[in-house]
Amino acid sequence: MSVLEGVLKEELERIERNIASYESLLAALPKGYLSEQRLKSKVYCYRKRREGNKIISEYIGPIGSPDAKKAAVDYEQRKRIEKNLRILRKEEARLLKALRHYGD
């Protein structure tokens, strides 16, 4: 085993650990997206998610309430984690391709 192959394997292991960590964080966060609905003069926050062919709308609360603010933070955190996961999976695929060279 060459030094470079060892480094690539270590990096692949690190990326796989990070992917598992991010996936566990995602499992703890609520799925779906946030939407606003105006009723009369007030604006309310809802979380919408898909279950099979149905779209489920979950009431969060009025815009500006602590629940709506927490939902917004969770939503942004979920988007950030999903973006990082996409980057890590691309890097994982790239490393696997590079390691196939050493398997020949």
PDB file of N, CA and C in Angstrom:
ATOM      1  N   MET A   1       0.860  -1.182   0.000  1.00  0.00           N
ATOM      2  CA  MET A   1       0.000   0.000   0.000  1.00  0.00           C
ATOM      3  C   MET A   1       0.900   1.236   0.000  1.00  0.00           C
ATOM      4  N   SER A   2       0.610   2.123  -0.918  1.00  0.00           N
ATOM      5  CA  SER A   2       1.401   3.340  -1.009  1.00  0.00           C
ATOM      6  C   SER A   2       0.915   4.346   0.037  1.00  0.00           C
ATOM      7  N   VAL A   3       1.727   5.354   0.256  1.00  0.00           N
ATOM      8  CA  VAL A   3       1.388   6.408   1.205  1.00  0.00           C
ATOM      9  C   VAL A   3       0.137   7.143   0.753  1.00  0.00           C
ATOM     10  N   LEU A   4       0.057   7.421  -0.543  1.00  0.00           N
ATOM     11  CA  LEU A   4      -1.098   8.134  -1.080  1.00  0.00           C
ATOM     12  C   LEU A   4      -2.382   7.328  -0.905  1.00  0.00           C
ATOM     13  N   GLU A   5      -2.316   6.033  -1.116  1.00  0.00           N
ATOM     14  CA  GLU A   5      -3.494   5.179  -0.927  1.00  0.00           C
ATOM     15  C   GLU A   5      -3.947   5.214   0.532  1.00  0.00           C
ATOM     16  N   GLY A   6      -3.005   5.208   1.459  1.00  0.00           N
ATOM     17  CA  GLY A   6      -3.338   5.289   2.878  1.00  0.00           C
ATOM     18  C   GLY A   6      -4.023   6.602   3.232  1.00  0.00           C
ATOM     19  N   VAL A   7      -3.515   7.680   2.667  1.00  0.00           N
ATOM     20  CA  VAL A   7      -4.109   8.995   2.916  1.00  0.00           C
ATOM     21  C   VAL A   7      -5.523   9.049   2.354  1.00  0.00           C
ATOM     22  N   LEU A   8      -5.718   8.513   1.149  1.00  0.00           N
ATOM     23  CA  LEU A   8      -7.044   8.498   0.536  1.00  0.00           C
ATOM     24  C   LEU A   8      -8.032   7.676   1.362  1.00  0.00           C
ATOM     25  N   LYS A   9      -7.583   6.543   1.880  1.00  0.00           N
ATOM     26  CA  LYS A   9      -8.457   5.702   2.707  1.00  0.00           C
ATOM     27  C   LYS A   9      -8.838   6.410   4.012  1.00  0.00           C
ATOM     28  N   GLU A  10      -7.868   7.077   4.626  1.00  0.00           N
ATOM     29  CA  GLU A  10      -8.163   7.829   5.855  1.00  0.00           C
ATOM     30  C   GLU A  10      -9.168   8.942   5.590  1.00  0.00           C
ATOM     31  N   GLU A  11      -8.988   9.645   4.476  1.00  0.00           N
ATOM     32  CA  GLU A  11      -9.908  10.732   4.119  1.00  0.00           C
ATOM     33  C   GLU A  11     -11.305  10.176   3.839  1.00  0.00           C
ATOM     34  N   LEU A  12     -11.376   9.030   3.178  1.00  0.00           N
ATOM     35  CA  LEU A  12     -12.669   8.398   2.901  1.00  0.00           C
ATOM     36  C   LEU A  12     -13.367   8.017   4.204  1.00  0.00           C
ATOM     37  N   GLU A  13     -12.626   7.467   5.142  1.00  0.00           N
ATOM     38  CA  GLU A  13     -13.203   7.112   6.448  1.00  0.00           C
ATOM     39  C   GLU A  13     -13.721   8.348   7.169  1.00  0.00           C
ATOM     40  N   ARG A  14     -12.965   9.437   7.113  1.00  0.00           N
ATOM     41  CA  ARG A  14     -13.396  10.681   7.758  1.00  0.00           C
ATOM     42  C   ARG A  14     -14.681  11.201   7.127  1.00  0.00           C
ATOM     43  N   ILE A  15     -14.745  11.167   5.816  1.00  0.00           N
ATOM     44  CA  ILE A  15     -15.938  11.642   5.122  1.00  0.00           C
ATOM     45  C   ILE A  15     -17.131  10.762   5.455  1.00  0.00           C
ATOM     46  N   GLU A  16     -16.942   9.457   5.511  1.00  0.00           N
ATOM     47  CA  GLU A  16     -18.046   8.550   5.847  1.00  0.00           C
ATOM     48  C   GLU A  16     -18.555   8.794   7.266  1.00  0.00           C
ATOM     49  N   ARG A  17     -17.650   9.099   8.194  1.00  0.00           N
ATOM     50  CA  ARG A  17     -18.076   9.433   9.567  1.00  0.00           C
ATOM     51  C   ARG A  17     -18.885  10.729   9.571  1.00  0.00           C
ATOM     52  N   ASN A  18     -18.419  11.718   8.799  1.00  0.00           N
ATOM     53  CA  ASN A  18     -19.149  12.990   8.725  1.00  0.00           C
ATOM     54  C   ASN A  18     -20.526  12.804   8.100  1.00  0.00           C
ATOM     55  N   ILE A  19     -20.626  11.979   7.073  1.00  0.00           N
ATOM     56  CA  ILE A  19     -21.917  11.719   6.433  1.00  0.00           C
ATOM     57  C   ILE A  19     -22.872  11.081   7.440  1.00  0.00           C
ATOM     58  N   ALA A  20     -22.395  10.102   8.195  1.00  0.00           N
ATOM     59  CA  ALA A  20     -23.243   9.451   9.201  1.00  0.00           C
ATOM     60  C   ALA A  20     -23.682  10.449  10.268  1.00  0.00           C
ATOM     61  N   SER A  21     -22.784  11.334  10.661  1.00  0.00           N
ATOM     62  CA  SER A  21     -23.112  12.341  11.664  1.00  0.00           C
ATOM     63  C   SER A  21     -24.181  13.300  11.146  1.00  0.00           C
ATOM     64  N   TYR A  22     -23.998  13.782   9.906  1.00  0.00           N
ATOM     65  CA  TYR A  22     -24.987  14.690   9.318  1.00  0.00           C
ATOM     66  C   TYR A  22     -26.341  14.012   9.145  1.00  0.00           C
ATOM     67  N   GLU A  23     -26.340  12.739   8.758  1.00  0.00           N
ATOM     68  CA  GLU A  23     -27.609  12.030   8.581  1.00  0.00           C
ATOM     69  C   GLU A  23     -28.352  11.880   9.904  1.00  0.00           C
ATOM     70  N   SER A  24     -27.626  11.673  10.996  1.00  0.00           N
ATOM     71  CA  SER A  24     -28.296  11.585  12.303  1.00  0.00           C
ATOM     72  C   SER A  24     -28.849  12.945  12.724  1.00  0.00           C
ATOM     73  N   LEU A  25     -28.134  14.027  12.388  1.00  0.00           N
ATOM     74  CA  LEU A  25     -28.648  15.369  12.673  1.00  0.00           C
ATOM     75  C   LEU A  25     -29.915  15.650  11.864  1.00  0.00           C
ATOM     76  N   LEU A  26     -29.925  15.231  10.601  1.00  0.00           N
ATOM     77  CA  LEU A  26     -31.100  15.436   9.758  1.00  0.00           C
ATOM     78  C   LEU A  26     -32.308  14.673  10.283  1.00  0.00           C
ATOM     79  N   ALA A  27     -32.074  13.481  10.808  1.00  0.00           N
ATOM     80  CA  ALA A  27     -33.183  12.676  11.324  1.00  0.00           C
ATOM     81  C   ALA A  27     -33.871  13.370  12.492  1.00  0.00           C
ATOM     82  N   ALA A  28     -33.136  14.196  13.237  1.00  0.00           N
ATOM     83  CA  ALA A  28     -33.701  14.888  14.397  1.00  0.00           C
ATOM     84  C   ALA A  28     -34.472  16.153  14.006  1.00  0.00           C
ATOM     85  N   LEU A  29     -34.234  16.661  12.800  1.00  0.00           N
ATOM     86  CA  LEU A  29     -34.895  17.891  12.366  1.00  0.00           C
ATOM     87  C   LEU A  29     -36.186  17.575  11.610  1.00  0.00           C
ATOM     88  N   PRO A  30     -37.189  18.440  11.741  1.00  0.00           N
ATOM     89  CA  PRO A  30     -38.454  18.196  11.022  1.00  0.00           C
ATOM     90  C   PRO A  30     -38.273  18.372   9.513  1.00  0.00           C
ATOM     91  N   LYS A  31     -38.994  17.530   8.755  1.00  0.00           N
ATOM     92  CA  LYS A  31     -38.956  17.608   7.295  1.00  0.00           C
ATOM     93  C   LYS A  31     -39.960  18.639   6.809  1.00  0.00           C
ATOM     94  N   GLY A  32     -39.780  19.063   5.575  1.00  0.00           N
ATOM     95  CA  GLY A  32     -40.740  19.964   4.964  1.00  0.00           C
ATOM     96  C   GLY A  32     -40.192  21.363   4.775  1.00  0.00           C
ATOM     97  N   TYR A  33     -41.073  22.235   4.302  1.00  0.00           N
ATOM     98  CA  TYR A  33     -40.705  23.634   4.089  1.00  0.00           C
ATOM     99  C   TYR A  33     -41.710  24.523   4.797  1.00  0.00           C
ATOM    100  N   LEU A  34     -41.339  25.757   4.995  1.00  0.00           N
ATOM    101  CA  LEU A  34     -42.199  26.707   5.695  1.00  0.00           C
ATOM    102  C   LEU A  34     -42.959  27.558   4.691  1.00  0.00           C
ATOM    103  N   SER A  35     -44.203  27.841   5.032  1.00  0.00           N
ATOM    104  CA  SER A  35     -44.991  28.745   4.200  1.00  0.00           C
ATOM    105  C   SER A  35     -45.767  29.688   5.104  1.00  0.00           C
ATOM    106  N   GLU A  36     -46.121  30.820   4.544  1.00  0.00           N
ATOM    107  CA  GLU A  36     -46.897  31.827   5.280  1.00  0.00           C
ATOM    108  C   GLU A  36     -48.289  31.904   4.674  1.00  0.00           C
ATOM    109  N   GLN A  37     -49.273  32.064   5.551  1.00  0.00           N
ATOM    110  CA  GLN A  37     -50.639  32.270   5.082  1.00  0.00           C
ATOM    111  C   GLN A  37     -51.217  33.470   5.806  1.00  0.00           C
ATOM    112  N   ARG A  38     -51.851  34.330   5.045  1.00  0.00           N
ATOM    113  CA  ARG A  38     -52.451  35.535   5.602  1.00  0.00           C
ATOM    114  C   ARG A  38     -53.940  35.285   5.794  1.00  0.00           C
ATOM    115  N   LEU A  39     -54.417  35.467   7.017  1.00  0.00           N
ATOM    116  CA  LEU A  39     -55.838  35.391   7.332  1.00  0.00           C
ATOM    117  C   LEU A  39     -56.232  36.720   7.956  1.00  0.00           C
ATOM    118  N   LYS A  40     -57.077  37.422   7.249  1.00  0.00           N
ATOM    119  CA  LYS A  40     -57.465  38.783   7.629  1.00  0.00           C
ATOM    120  C   LYS A  40     -56.217  39.630   7.702  1.00  0.00           C
ATOM    121  N   SER A  41     -55.884  40.183   8.853  1.00  0.00           N
ATOM    122  CA  SER A  41     -54.713  41.058   8.927  1.00  0.00           C
ATOM    123  C   SER A  41     -53.501  40.375   9.561  1.00  0.00           C
ATOM    124  N   LYS A  42     -53.608  39.077   9.897  1.00  0.00           N
ATOM    125  CA  LYS A  42     -52.503  38.370  10.553  1.00  0.00           C
ATOM    126  C   LYS A  42     -51.868  37.371   9.599  1.00  0.00           C
ATOM    127  N   VAL A  43     -50.562  37.127   9.815  1.00  0.00           N
ATOM    128  CA  VAL A  43     -49.815  36.168   8.999  1.00  0.00           C
ATOM    129  C   VAL A  43     -49.399  35.011   9.894  1.00  0.00           C
ATOM    130  N   TYR A  44     -49.653  33.798   9.420  1.00  0.00           N
ATOM    131  CA  TYR A  44     -49.370  32.594  10.190  1.00  0.00           C
ATOM    132  C   TYR A  44     -48.359  31.725   9.448  1.00  0.00           C
ATOM    133  N   CYS A  45     -47.599  30.960  10.216  1.00  0.00           N
ATOM    134  CA  CYS A  45     -46.561  30.094   9.676  1.00  0.00           C
ATOM    135  C   CYS A  45     -47.043  28.644   9.709  1.00  0.00           C
ATOM    136  N   TYR A  46     -46.799  27.925   8.609  1.00  0.00           N
ATOM    137  CA  TYR A  46     -47.138  26.514   8.500  1.00  0.00           C
ATOM    138  C   TYR A  46     -45.937  25.758   7.966  1.00  0.00           C
ATOM    139  N   ARG A  47     -45.795  24.504   8.407  1.00  0.00           N
ATOM    140  CA  ARG A  47     -44.771  23.616   7.846  1.00  0.00           C
ATOM    141  C   ARG A  47     -45.509  22.631   6.954  1.00  0.00           C
ATOM    142  N   LYS A  48     -45.048  22.525   5.717  1.00  0.00           N
ATOM    143  CA  LYS A  48     -45.682  21.607   4.779  1.00  0.00           C
ATOM    144  C   LYS A  48     -44.685  20.520   4.412  1.00  0.00           C
ATOM    145  N   ARG A  49     -45.200  19.290   4.416  1.00  0.00           N
ATOM    146  CA  ARG A  49     -44.361  18.149   4.072  1.00  0.00           C
ATOM    147  C   ARG A  49     -45.200  17.134   3.306  1.00  0.00           C
ATOM    148  N   ARG A  50     -44.531  16.269   2.607  1.00  0.00           N
ATOM    149  CA  ARG A  50     -45.206  15.270   1.804  1.00  0.00           C
ATOM    150  C   ARG A  50     -45.190  13.930   2.541  1.00  0.00           C
ATOM    151  N   GLU A  51     -46.341  13.281   2.572  1.00  0.00           N
ATOM    152  CA  GLU A  51     -46.468  11.909   3.066  1.00  0.00           C
ATOM    153  C   GLU A  51     -47.167  11.117   1.988  1.00  0.00           C
ATOM    154  N   GLY A  52     -46.394  10.360   1.208  1.00  0.00           N
ATOM    155  CA  GLY A  52     -46.963   9.659   0.064  1.00  0.00           C
ATOM    156  C   GLY A  52     -47.380  10.667  -0.982  1.00  0.00           C
ATOM    157  N   ASN A  53     -48.640  10.618  -1.380  1.00  0.00           N
ATOM    158  CA  ASN A  53     -49.155  11.567  -2.368  1.00  0.00           C
ATOM    159  C   ASN A  53     -49.794  12.787  -1.729  1.00  0.00           C
ATOM    160  N   LYS A  54     -49.889  12.801  -0.406  1.00  0.00           N
ATOM    161  CA  LYS A  54     -50.538  13.905   0.291  1.00  0.00           C
ATOM    162  C   LYS A  54     -49.521  14.944   0.747  1.00  0.00           C
ATOM    163  N   ILE A  55     -49.961  16.183   0.785  1.00  0.00           N
ATOM    164  CA  ILE A  55     -49.162  17.255   1.377  1.00  0.00           C
ATOM    165  C   ILE A  55     -49.821  17.605   2.700  1.00  0.00           C
ATOM    166  N   ILE A  56     -49.072  17.435   3.782  1.00  0.00           N
ATOM    167  CA  ILE A  56     -49.563  17.693   5.130  1.00  0.00           C
ATOM    168  C   ILE A  56     -49.141  19.099   5.533  1.00  0.00           C
ATOM    169  N   SER A  57     -50.083  19.882   6.022  1.00  0.00           N
ATOM    170  CA  SER A  57     -49.817  21.240   6.470  1.00  0.00           C
ATOM    171  C   SER A  57     -49.957  21.284   7.984  1.00  0.00           C
ATOM    172  N   GLU A  58     -48.873  21.636   8.657  1.00  0.00           N
ATOM    173  CA  GLU A  58     -48.836  21.661  10.124  1.00  0.00           C
ATOM    174  C   GLU A  58     -48.753  23.113  10.594  1.00  0.00           C
ATOM    175  N   TYR A  59     -49.670  23.516  11.429  1.00  0.00           N
ATOM    176  CA  TYR A  59     -49.695  24.885  11.952  1.00  0.00           C
ATOM    177  C   TYR A  59     -48.553  25.076  12.943  1.00  0.00           C
ATOM    178  N   ILE A  60     -47.789  26.149  12.761  1.00  0.00           N
ATOM    179  CA  ILE A  60     -46.683  26.481  13.671  1.00  0.00           C
ATOM    180  C   ILE A  60     -47.099  27.601  14.613  1.00  0.00           C
ATOM    181  N   GLY A  61     -47.619  28.687  14.088  1.00  0.00           N
ATOM    182  CA  GLY A  61     -48.030  29.821  14.908  1.00  0.00           C
ATOM    183  C   GLY A  61     -47.919  31.111  14.121  1.00  0.00           C
ATOM    184  N   PRO A  62     -48.241  32.217  14.758  1.00  0.00           N
ATOM    185  CA  PRO A  62     -48.118  33.510  14.078  1.00  0.00           C
ATOM    186  C   PRO A  62     -46.652  33.826  13.772  1.00  0.00           C
ATOM    187  N   ILE A  63     -46.449  34.538  12.679  1.00  0.00           N
ATOM    188  CA  ILE A  63     -45.093  34.964  12.323  1.00  0.00           C
ATOM    189  C   ILE A  63     -44.563  35.838  13.465  1.00  0.00           C
ATOM    190  N   GLY A  64     -43.328  35.581  13.867  1.00  0.00           N
ATOM    191  CA  GLY A  64     -42.727  36.361  14.943  1.00  0.00           C
ATOM    192  C   GLY A  64     -42.831  35.671  16.291  1.00  0.00           C
ATOM    193  N   SER A  65     -43.642  34.622  16.388  1.00  0.00           N
ATOM    194  CA  SER A  65     -43.765  33.900  17.661  1.00  0.00           C
ATOM    195  C   SER A  65     -42.508  33.044  17.863  1.00  0.00           C
ATOM    196  N   PRO A  66     -42.236  32.661  19.107  1.00  0.00           N
ATOM    197  CA  PRO A  66     -41.058  31.816  19.360  1.00  0.00           C
ATOM    198  C   PRO A  66     -41.086  30.498  18.574  1.00  0.00           C
ATOM    199  N   ASP A  67     -42.271  29.895  18.430  1.00  0.00           N
ATOM    200  CA  ASP A  67     -42.373  28.650  17.673  1.00  0.00           C
ATOM    201  C   ASP A  67     -42.034  28.863  16.202  1.00  0.00           C
ATOM    202  N   ALA A  68     -42.501  29.956  15.625  1.00  0.00           N
ATOM    203  CA  ALA A  68     -42.215  30.254  14.216  1.00  0.00           C
ATOM    204  C   ALA A  68     -40.728  30.555  14.028  1.00  0.00           C
ATOM    205  N   LYS A  69     -40.123  31.244  14.981  1.00  0.00           N
ATOM    206  CA  LYS A  69     -38.686  31.544  14.886  1.00  0.00           C
ATOM    207  C   LYS A  69     -37.860  30.266  14.967  1.00  0.00           C
ATOM    208  N   LYS A  70     -38.252  29.358  15.889  1.00  0.00           N
ATOM    209  CA  LYS A  70     -37.543  28.079  16.015  1.00  0.00           C
ATOM    210  C   LYS A  70     -37.707  27.255  14.745  1.00  0.00           C
ATOM    211  N   ALA A  71     -38.904  27.256  14.167  1.00  0.00           N
ATOM    212  CA  ALA A  71     -39.138  26.521  12.924  1.00  0.00           C
ATOM    213  C   ALA A  71     -38.262  27.074  11.806  1.00  0.00           C
ATOM    214  N   ALA A  72     -38.095  28.379  11.755  1.00  0.00           N
ATOM    215  CA  ALA A  72     -37.251  29.001  10.731  1.00  0.00           C
ATOM    216  C   ALA A  72     -35.789  28.608  10.917  1.00  0.00           C
ATOM    217  N   VAL A  73     -35.337  28.581  12.165  1.00  0.00           N
ATOM    218  CA  VAL A  73     -33.959  28.181  12.452  1.00  0.00           C
ATOM    219  C   VAL A  73     -33.749  26.721  12.066  1.00  0.00           C
ATOM    220  N   ASP A  74     -34.699  25.849  12.425  1.00  0.00           N
ATOM    221  CA  ASP A  74     -34.610  24.435  12.069  1.00  0.00           C
ATOM    222  C   ASP A  74     -34.573  24.246  10.558  1.00  0.00           C
ATOM    223  N   TYR A  75     -35.401  25.015   9.855  1.00  0.00           N
ATOM    224  CA  TYR A  75     -35.462  24.919   8.398  1.00  0.00           C
ATOM    225  C   TYR A  75     -34.119  25.312   7.779  1.00  0.00           C
ATOM    226  N   GLU A  76     -33.559  26.422   8.231  1.00  0.00           N
ATOM    227  CA  GLU A  76     -32.268  26.872   7.706  1.00  0.00           C
ATOM    228  C   GLU A  76     -31.158  25.876   8.031  1.00  0.00           C
ATOM    229  N   GLN A  77     -31.197  25.323   9.249  1.00  0.00           N
ATOM    230  CA  GLN A  77     -30.195  24.332   9.640  1.00  0.00           C
ATOM    231  C   GLN A  77     -30.310  23.088   8.757  1.00  0.00           C
ATOM    232  N   ARG A  78     -31.526  22.642   8.485  1.00  0.00           N
ATOM    233  CA  ARG A  78     -31.738  21.479   7.631  1.00  0.00           C
ATOM    234  C   ARG A  78     -31.179  21.730   6.228  1.00  0.00           C
ATOM    235  N   LYS A  79     -31.447  22.908   5.668  1.00  0.00           N
ATOM    236  CA  LYS A  79     -30.945  23.238   4.335  1.00  0.00           C
ATOM    237  C   LYS A  79     -29.416  23.258   4.309  1.00  0.00           C
ATOM    238  N   ARG A  80     -28.810  23.807   5.361  1.00  0.00           N
ATOM    239  CA  ARG A  80     -27.346  23.870   5.444  1.00  0.00           C
ATOM    240  C   ARG A  80     -26.746  22.458   5.515  1.00  0.00           C
ATOM    241  N   ILE A  81     -27.355  21.591   6.319  1.00  0.00           N
ATOM    242  CA  ILE A  81     -26.864  20.218   6.460  1.00  0.00           C
ATOM    243  C   ILE A  81     -27.035  19.460   5.149  1.00  0.00           C
ATOM    244  N   GLU A  82     -28.175  19.637   4.474  1.00  0.00           N
ATOM    245  CA  GLU A  82     -28.397  18.961   3.192  1.00  0.00           C
ATOM    246  C   GLU A  82     -27.362  19.405   2.155  1.00  0.00           C
ATOM    247  N   LYS A  83     -27.010  20.681   2.160  1.00  0.00           N
ATOM    248  CA  LYS A  83     -26.000  21.178   1.235  1.00  0.00           C
ATOM    249  C   LYS A  83     -24.640  20.544   1.545  1.00  0.00           C
ATOM    250  N   ASN A  84     -24.277  20.486   2.825  1.00  0.00           N
ATOM    251  CA  ASN A  84     -23.011  19.877   3.209  1.00  0.00           C
ATOM    252  C   ASN A  84     -22.985  18.396   2.860  1.00  0.00           C
ATOM    253  N   LEU A  85     -24.113  17.713   3.015  1.00  0.00           N
ATOM    254  CA  LEU A  85     -24.182  16.293   2.662  1.00  0.00           C
ATOM    255  C   LEU A  85     -23.952  16.083   1.166  1.00  0.00           C
ATOM    256  N   ARG A  86     -24.542  16.939   0.342  1.00  0.00           N
ATOM    257  CA  ARG A  86     -24.332  16.822  -1.106  1.00  0.00           C
ATOM    258  C   ARG A  86     -22.845  16.967  -1.443  1.00  0.00           C
ATOM    259  N   ILE A  87     -22.190  17.932  -0.808  1.00  0.00           N
ATOM    260  CA  ILE A  87     -20.763  18.155  -1.050  1.00  0.00           C
ATOM    261  C   ILE A  87     -19.948  16.944  -0.607  1.00  0.00           C
ATOM    262  N   LEU A  88     -20.261  16.408   0.582  1.00  0.00           N
ATOM    263  CA  LEU A  88     -19.528  15.250   1.093  1.00  0.00           C
ATOM    264  C   LEU A  88     -19.733  14.017   0.225  1.00  0.00           C
ATOM    265  N   ARG A  89     -20.937  13.821  -0.273  1.00  0.00           N
ATOM    266  CA  ARG A  89     -21.197  12.645  -1.117  1.00  0.00           C
ATOM    267  C   ARG A  89     -20.450  12.747  -2.445  1.00  0.00           C
ATOM    268  N   LYS A  90     -20.336  13.955  -2.988  1.00  0.00           N
ATOM    269  CA  LYS A  90     -19.543  14.134  -4.213  1.00  0.00           C
ATOM    270  C   LYS A  90     -18.075  13.825  -3.933  1.00  0.00           C
ATOM    271  N   GLU A  91     -17.586  14.303  -2.803  1.00  0.00           N
ATOM    272  CA  GLU A  91     -16.195  14.053  -2.425  1.00  0.00           C
ATOM    273  C   GLU A  91     -15.963  12.558  -2.192  1.00  0.00           C
ATOM    274  N   GLU A  92     -16.936  11.900  -1.564  1.00  0.00           N
ATOM    275  CA  GLU A  92     -16.840  10.455  -1.327  1.00  0.00           C
ATOM    276  C   GLU A  92     -16.740   9.708  -2.658  1.00  0.00           C
ATOM    277  N   ALA A  93     -17.577  10.076  -3.622  1.00  0.00           N
ATOM    278  CA  ALA A  93     -17.548   9.425  -4.936  1.00  0.00           C
ATOM    279  C   ALA A  93     -16.208   9.654  -5.623  1.00  0.00           C
ATOM    280  N   ARG A  94     -15.682  10.854  -5.483  1.00  0.00           N
ATOM    281  CA  ARG A  94     -14.386  11.178  -6.089  1.00  0.00           C
ATOM    282  C   ARG A  94     -13.263  10.348  -5.474  1.00  0.00           C
ATOM    283  N   LEU A  95     -13.298  10.187  -4.145  1.00  0.00           N
ATOM    284  CA  LEU A  95     -12.273   9.388  -3.467  1.00  0.00           C
ATOM    285  C   LEU A  95     -12.400   7.907  -3.828  1.00  0.00           C
ATOM    286  N   LEU A  96     -13.630   7.410  -3.915  1.00  0.00           N
ATOM    287  CA  LEU A  96     -13.821   6.009  -4.294  1.00  0.00           C
ATOM    288  C   LEU A  96     -13.272   5.752  -5.698  1.00  0.00           C
ATOM    289  N   LYS A  97     -13.480   6.701  -6.598  1.00  0.00           N
ATOM    290  CA  LYS A  97     -12.962   6.578  -7.954  1.00  0.00           C
ATOM    291  C   LYS A  97     -11.429   6.565  -7.937  1.00  0.00           C
ATOM    292  N   ALA A  98     -10.848   7.426  -7.115  1.00  0.00           N
ATOM    293  CA  ALA A  98      -9.384   7.474  -7.019  1.00  0.00           C
ATOM    294  C   ALA A  98      -8.834   6.188  -6.405  1.00  0.00           C
ATOM    295  N   LEU A  99      -9.544   5.635  -5.426  1.00  0.00           N
ATOM    296  CA  LEU A  99      -9.070   4.402  -4.778  1.00  0.00           C
ATOM    297  C   LEU A  99      -9.211   3.185  -5.680  1.00  0.00           C
ATOM    298  N   ARG A 100     -10.141   3.203  -6.642  1.00  0.00           N
ATOM    299  CA  ARG A 100     -10.274   2.082  -7.577  1.00  0.00           C
ATOM    300  C   ARG A 100      -9.005   1.899  -8.386  1.00  0.00           C
ATOM    301  N   HIS A 101      -8.293   3.007  -8.612  1.00  0.00           N
ATOM    302  CA  HIS A 101      -7.023   2.942  -9.341  1.00  0.00           C
ATOM    303  C   HIS A 101      -6.026   2.042  -8.601  1.00  0.00           C
ATOM    304  N   TYR A 102      -6.039   2.088  -7.269  1.00  0.00           N
ATOM    305  CA  TYR A 102      -5.100   1.301  -6.472  1.00  0.00           C
ATOM    306  C   TYR A 102      -5.555  -0.133  -6.327  1.00  0.00           C
ATOM    307  N   GLY A 103      -6.821  -0.397  -6.590  1.00  0.00           N
ATOM    308  CA  GLY A 103      -7.331  -1.761  -6.478  1.00  0.00           C
ATOM    309  C   GLY A 103      -6.961  -2.631  -7.666  1.00  0.00           C
ATOM    310  N   ASP A 104      -6.575  -1.989  -8.768  1.00  0.00           N
ATOM    311  CA  ASP A 104      -6.241  -2.755  -9.989  1.00  0.00           C
ATOM    312  C   ASP A 104      -4.907  -3.419  -9.888  1.00  0.00           C
TER     313      ASP A 104
END
